[in-house]
Amino acid sequence: MSKKKRKIKLGRRILETLEIPEEAYSDTAKITLWGKKTLLLEQHSGIFECGEKRIRLFTEPGILRIEGEDLVLLELSDERLYVTGKIESVIYER
C-alpha cells in the first residue's frame, strides 16, 4: 500500500473517531430541501443553465437539474446557493 493511500485511510479514521461529519471535509454536494419551495445546495461548482422552469448546476457527482415553476436563485456564493419557487423535481443527470 502506498504512503498516500495510508495517509488518506488514517485521516478518515481520525475524522470518524472524532465524529466529524463527512460534509465538513469532502467536496460532495449537500442538498437540503424545505418542502417544495426552497432548496439549499452546498459545494457546487457553478451554474450551467438558469431559467424560471429549469436550473442546472455543476457539482462533483455531475450536473444537478432542478425543475419547477417560478424558480429564482435567491443567494449565490462560491460555497452555496438557494433556489426558491415551486420545486417539482431534483435529479442528477447521467
N, C-alpha and C. Protein backbone atom coordinates (compact mmCIF):
# COMPACT_ATOMS: atom_id res chain seq x y z
N MET A 1 0.84 -1.17 0.00
CA MET A 1 0.00 0.00 0.00
C MET A 1 0.89 1.25 0.00
N SER A 2 0.55 2.22 -0.84
CA SER A 2 1.38 3.42 -0.94
C SER A 2 1.16 4.32 0.28
N LYS A 3 2.11 5.23 0.49
CA LYS A 3 2.03 6.14 1.63
C LYS A 3 0.82 7.06 1.52
N LYS A 4 0.49 7.48 0.29
CA LYS A 4 -0.64 8.38 0.09
C LYS A 4 -1.95 7.71 0.50
N LYS A 5 -2.16 6.45 0.09
CA LYS A 5 -3.37 5.73 0.47
C LYS A 5 -3.44 5.52 1.97
N ARG A 6 -2.30 5.23 2.59
CA ARG A 6 -2.25 5.04 4.03
C ARG A 6 -2.64 6.32 4.77
N LYS A 7 -2.15 7.48 4.27
CA LYS A 7 -2.47 8.76 4.90
C LYS A 7 -3.96 9.05 4.78
N ILE A 8 -4.54 8.77 3.62
CA ILE A 8 -5.98 9.02 3.42
C ILE A 8 -6.80 8.15 4.37
N LYS A 9 -6.47 6.85 4.47
CA LYS A 9 -7.21 5.96 5.36
C LYS A 9 -7.05 6.38 6.81
N LEU A 10 -5.85 6.76 7.20
CA LEU A 10 -5.61 7.20 8.57
C LEU A 10 -6.38 8.48 8.86
N GLY A 11 -6.37 9.42 7.91
CA GLY A 11 -7.11 10.68 8.09
C GLY A 11 -8.60 10.43 8.26
N ARG A 12 -9.15 9.53 7.45
CA ARG A 12 -10.59 9.22 7.57
C ARG A 12 -10.90 8.55 8.91
N ARG A 13 -10.03 7.68 9.37
CA ARG A 13 -10.24 7.04 10.66
C ARG A 13 -10.26 8.07 11.78
N ILE A 14 -9.34 9.02 11.72
CA ILE A 14 -9.28 10.07 12.75
C ILE A 14 -10.57 10.88 12.73
N LEU A 15 -11.01 11.29 11.54
CA LEU A 15 -12.23 12.08 11.43
C LEU A 15 -13.45 11.30 11.91
N GLU A 16 -13.51 10.01 11.59
CA GLU A 16 -14.62 9.17 12.07
C GLU A 16 -14.58 9.04 13.59
N THR A 17 -13.40 8.87 14.15
CA THR A 17 -13.25 8.75 15.60
C THR A 17 -13.70 10.03 16.29
N LEU A 18 -13.39 11.17 15.71
CA LEU A 18 -13.79 12.46 16.28
C LEU A 18 -15.25 12.80 15.96
N GLU A 19 -15.91 11.92 15.20
CA GLU A 19 -17.32 12.08 14.81
C GLU A 19 -17.57 13.38 14.05
N ILE A 20 -16.65 13.72 13.16
CA ILE A 20 -16.82 14.89 12.30
C ILE A 20 -17.59 14.46 11.07
N PRO A 21 -18.69 15.14 10.73
CA PRO A 21 -19.50 14.73 9.58
C PRO A 21 -18.71 14.82 8.27
N GLU A 22 -19.00 13.91 7.36
CA GLU A 22 -18.26 13.83 6.09
C GLU A 22 -18.34 15.12 5.29
N GLU A 23 -19.49 15.81 5.32
CA GLU A 23 -19.62 17.03 4.52
C GLU A 23 -18.66 18.14 4.97
N ALA A 24 -18.13 18.02 6.18
CA ALA A 24 -17.20 19.04 6.68
C ALA A 24 -15.82 18.91 6.02
N TYR A 25 -15.48 17.75 5.49
CA TYR A 25 -14.15 17.56 4.92
C TYR A 25 -14.15 17.01 3.49
N SER A 26 -15.31 16.89 2.85
CA SER A 26 -15.34 16.37 1.49
C SER A 26 -15.89 17.41 0.53
N ASP A 27 -15.73 17.16 -0.76
CA ASP A 27 -16.24 18.05 -1.80
C ASP A 27 -17.60 17.61 -2.31
N THR A 28 -18.22 16.66 -1.64
CA THR A 28 -19.51 16.15 -2.05
C THR A 28 -20.59 17.20 -1.86
N ALA A 29 -21.47 17.33 -2.84
CA ALA A 29 -22.56 18.29 -2.75
C ALA A 29 -23.54 17.87 -1.66
N LYS A 30 -24.06 18.85 -0.96
CA LYS A 30 -25.08 18.60 0.07
C LYS A 30 -26.33 19.36 -0.34
N ILE A 31 -27.44 18.65 -0.45
CA ILE A 31 -28.71 19.23 -0.87
C ILE A 31 -29.67 19.20 0.31
N THR A 32 -30.25 20.35 0.64
CA THR A 32 -31.27 20.44 1.68
C THR A 32 -32.52 21.02 1.03
N LEU A 33 -33.64 20.34 1.21
CA LEU A 33 -34.90 20.76 0.60
C LEU A 33 -35.92 21.00 1.70
N TRP A 34 -36.51 22.20 1.71
CA TRP A 34 -37.55 22.54 2.67
C TRP A 34 -38.87 22.51 1.91
N GLY A 35 -39.66 21.46 2.15
CA GLY A 35 -40.93 21.32 1.44
C GLY A 35 -40.69 21.30 -0.06
N LYS A 36 -41.53 22.00 -0.79
CA LYS A 36 -41.38 22.10 -2.25
C LYS A 36 -41.06 23.52 -2.69
N LYS A 37 -40.60 24.34 -1.73
CA LYS A 37 -40.41 25.75 -2.05
C LYS A 37 -38.98 26.27 -1.97
N THR A 38 -38.11 25.64 -1.20
CA THR A 38 -36.76 26.16 -1.03
C THR A 38 -35.74 25.02 -1.06
N LEU A 39 -34.65 25.25 -1.79
CA LEU A 39 -33.56 24.28 -1.88
C LEU A 39 -32.25 25.00 -1.57
N LEU A 40 -31.43 24.37 -0.75
CA LEU A 40 -30.08 24.87 -0.46
C LEU A 40 -29.10 23.85 -1.01
N LEU A 41 -28.16 24.30 -1.83
CA LEU A 41 -27.11 23.43 -2.37
C LEU A 41 -25.77 23.96 -1.89
N GLU A 42 -25.02 23.10 -1.20
CA GLU A 42 -23.68 23.45 -0.74
C GLU A 42 -22.67 22.64 -1.54
N GLN A 43 -21.51 23.21 -1.78
CA GLN A 43 -20.43 22.58 -2.54
C GLN A 43 -20.76 22.43 -4.02
N HIS A 44 -21.26 23.49 -4.64
CA HIS A 44 -21.49 23.46 -6.08
C HIS A 44 -20.27 24.01 -6.79
N SER A 45 -20.24 23.82 -8.13
CA SER A 45 -19.09 24.29 -8.91
C SER A 45 -19.50 25.35 -9.94
N GLY A 46 -20.75 25.80 -9.89
CA GLY A 46 -21.19 26.83 -10.81
C GLY A 46 -22.52 26.51 -11.47
N ILE A 47 -23.00 27.47 -12.25
CA ILE A 47 -24.29 27.35 -12.92
C ILE A 47 -24.08 26.95 -14.38
N PHE A 48 -24.83 25.96 -14.83
CA PHE A 48 -24.80 25.51 -16.22
C PHE A 48 -25.95 26.15 -17.00
N GLU A 49 -27.13 26.25 -16.39
CA GLU A 49 -28.31 26.82 -17.02
C GLU A 49 -29.22 27.38 -15.93
N CYS A 50 -29.85 28.52 -16.21
CA CYS A 50 -30.73 29.12 -15.21
C CYS A 50 -31.94 29.75 -15.89
N GLY A 51 -33.12 29.25 -15.55
CA GLY A 51 -34.36 29.79 -16.09
C GLY A 51 -35.47 29.64 -15.07
N GLU A 52 -36.66 30.13 -15.42
CA GLU A 52 -37.79 30.06 -14.49
C GLU A 52 -38.32 28.65 -14.29
N LYS A 53 -38.09 27.76 -15.27
CA LYS A 53 -38.61 26.39 -15.17
C LYS A 53 -37.52 25.34 -14.94
N ARG A 54 -36.26 25.73 -15.17
CA ARG A 54 -35.18 24.75 -15.00
C ARG A 54 -33.88 25.45 -14.62
N ILE A 55 -33.20 24.86 -13.64
CA ILE A 55 -31.87 25.32 -13.24
C ILE A 55 -30.97 24.09 -13.23
N ARG A 56 -29.82 24.19 -13.89
CA ARG A 56 -28.86 23.08 -13.92
C ARG A 56 -27.54 23.60 -13.35
N LEU A 57 -26.97 22.80 -12.44
CA LEU A 57 -25.79 23.23 -11.69
C LEU A 57 -24.68 22.18 -11.76
N PHE A 58 -23.45 22.65 -11.82
CA PHE A 58 -22.30 21.74 -11.77
C PHE A 58 -22.04 21.34 -10.32
N THR A 59 -21.89 20.03 -10.08
CA THR A 59 -21.50 19.51 -8.77
C THR A 59 -20.47 18.41 -8.98
N GLU A 60 -19.81 17.97 -7.93
CA GLU A 60 -18.80 16.92 -8.02
C GLU A 60 -19.36 15.63 -8.64
N PRO A 61 -20.55 15.15 -8.21
CA PRO A 61 -21.08 13.91 -8.81
C PRO A 61 -21.62 14.07 -10.24
N GLY A 62 -21.87 15.30 -10.68
CA GLY A 62 -22.41 15.54 -12.02
C GLY A 62 -23.34 16.74 -12.02
N ILE A 63 -24.06 16.90 -13.12
CA ILE A 63 -24.97 18.04 -13.24
C ILE A 63 -26.27 17.75 -12.48
N LEU A 64 -26.65 18.70 -11.63
CA LEU A 64 -27.87 18.60 -10.85
C LEU A 64 -28.93 19.45 -11.55
N ARG A 65 -30.07 18.83 -11.88
CA ARG A 65 -31.16 19.54 -12.56
C ARG A 65 -32.32 19.75 -11.60
N ILE A 66 -32.75 20.99 -11.47
CA ILE A 66 -33.89 21.35 -10.64
C ILE A 66 -34.97 21.86 -11.59
N GLU A 67 -36.17 21.26 -11.52
CA GLU A 67 -37.26 21.68 -12.39
C GLU A 67 -38.44 22.10 -11.55
N GLY A 68 -39.21 23.06 -12.07
CA GLY A 68 -40.37 23.56 -11.37
C GLY A 68 -40.93 24.78 -12.07
N GLU A 69 -41.57 25.65 -11.28
CA GLU A 69 -42.16 26.87 -11.82
C GLU A 69 -41.73 28.05 -10.98
N ASP A 70 -41.53 29.17 -11.63
CA ASP A 70 -41.13 30.42 -10.96
C ASP A 70 -39.87 30.25 -10.13
N LEU A 71 -38.89 29.49 -10.65
CA LEU A 71 -37.65 29.26 -9.92
C LEU A 71 -36.79 30.52 -9.93
N VAL A 72 -36.20 30.82 -8.78
CA VAL A 72 -35.37 32.01 -8.62
C VAL A 72 -34.14 31.64 -7.80
N LEU A 73 -32.95 32.10 -8.22
CA LEU A 73 -31.75 31.97 -7.41
C LEU A 73 -31.76 33.12 -6.41
N LEU A 74 -31.99 32.79 -5.15
CA LEU A 74 -32.06 33.83 -4.12
C LEU A 74 -30.68 34.29 -3.67
N GLU A 75 -29.80 33.35 -3.45
CA GLU A 75 -28.45 33.67 -2.98
C GLU A 75 -27.47 32.80 -3.74
N LEU A 76 -26.36 33.39 -4.15
CA LEU A 76 -25.34 32.64 -4.87
C LEU A 76 -23.97 33.07 -4.35
N SER A 77 -23.21 32.10 -3.86
CA SER A 77 -21.83 32.36 -3.44
C SER A 77 -20.96 31.22 -3.94
N ASP A 78 -19.67 31.29 -3.66
CA ASP A 78 -18.76 30.22 -4.10
C ASP A 78 -19.08 28.89 -3.43
N GLU A 79 -19.69 28.93 -2.25
CA GLU A 79 -19.91 27.72 -1.47
C GLU A 79 -21.33 27.20 -1.52
N ARG A 80 -22.32 28.09 -1.67
CA ARG A 80 -23.70 27.62 -1.61
C ARG A 80 -24.62 28.49 -2.45
N LEU A 81 -25.82 27.95 -2.67
CA LEU A 81 -26.85 28.73 -3.35
C LEU A 81 -28.22 28.30 -2.88
N TYR A 82 -29.16 29.24 -2.92
CA TYR A 82 -30.55 28.98 -2.55
C TYR A 82 -31.41 29.14 -3.79
N VAL A 83 -32.35 28.21 -3.97
CA VAL A 83 -33.33 28.28 -5.05
C VAL A 83 -34.71 28.30 -4.39
N THR A 84 -35.57 29.21 -4.84
CA THR A 84 -36.94 29.22 -4.36
C THR A 84 -37.89 29.14 -5.55
N GLY A 85 -39.13 28.81 -5.26
CA GLY A 85 -40.15 28.65 -6.29
C GLY A 85 -40.93 27.37 -6.02
N LYS A 86 -41.67 26.91 -7.01
CA LYS A 86 -42.40 25.65 -6.87
C LYS A 86 -41.50 24.54 -7.44
N ILE A 87 -40.77 23.86 -6.55
CA ILE A 87 -39.81 22.83 -6.97
C ILE A 87 -40.55 21.52 -7.18
N GLU A 88 -40.45 20.99 -8.40
CA GLU A 88 -41.16 19.75 -8.75
C GLU A 88 -40.23 18.54 -8.79
N SER A 89 -38.95 18.75 -9.16
CA SER A 89 -38.02 17.62 -9.19
C SER A 89 -36.59 18.08 -9.04
N VAL A 90 -35.76 17.19 -8.47
CA VAL A 90 -34.33 17.39 -8.31
C VAL A 90 -33.68 16.11 -8.76
N ILE A 91 -32.89 16.18 -9.85
CA ILE A 91 -32.36 14.97 -10.48
C ILE A 91 -30.89 15.16 -10.85
N TYR A 92 -30.08 14.14 -10.63
CA TYR A 92 -28.72 14.12 -11.19
C TYR A 92 -28.80 13.56 -12.59
N GLU A 93 -28.22 14.28 -13.56
CA GLU A 93 -28.20 13.80 -14.94
C GLU A 93 -27.07 12.81 -15.13
N ARG A 94 -27.26 11.91 -16.05
CA ARG A 94 -26.22 10.91 -16.35
C ARG A 94 -25.23 11.46 -17.33
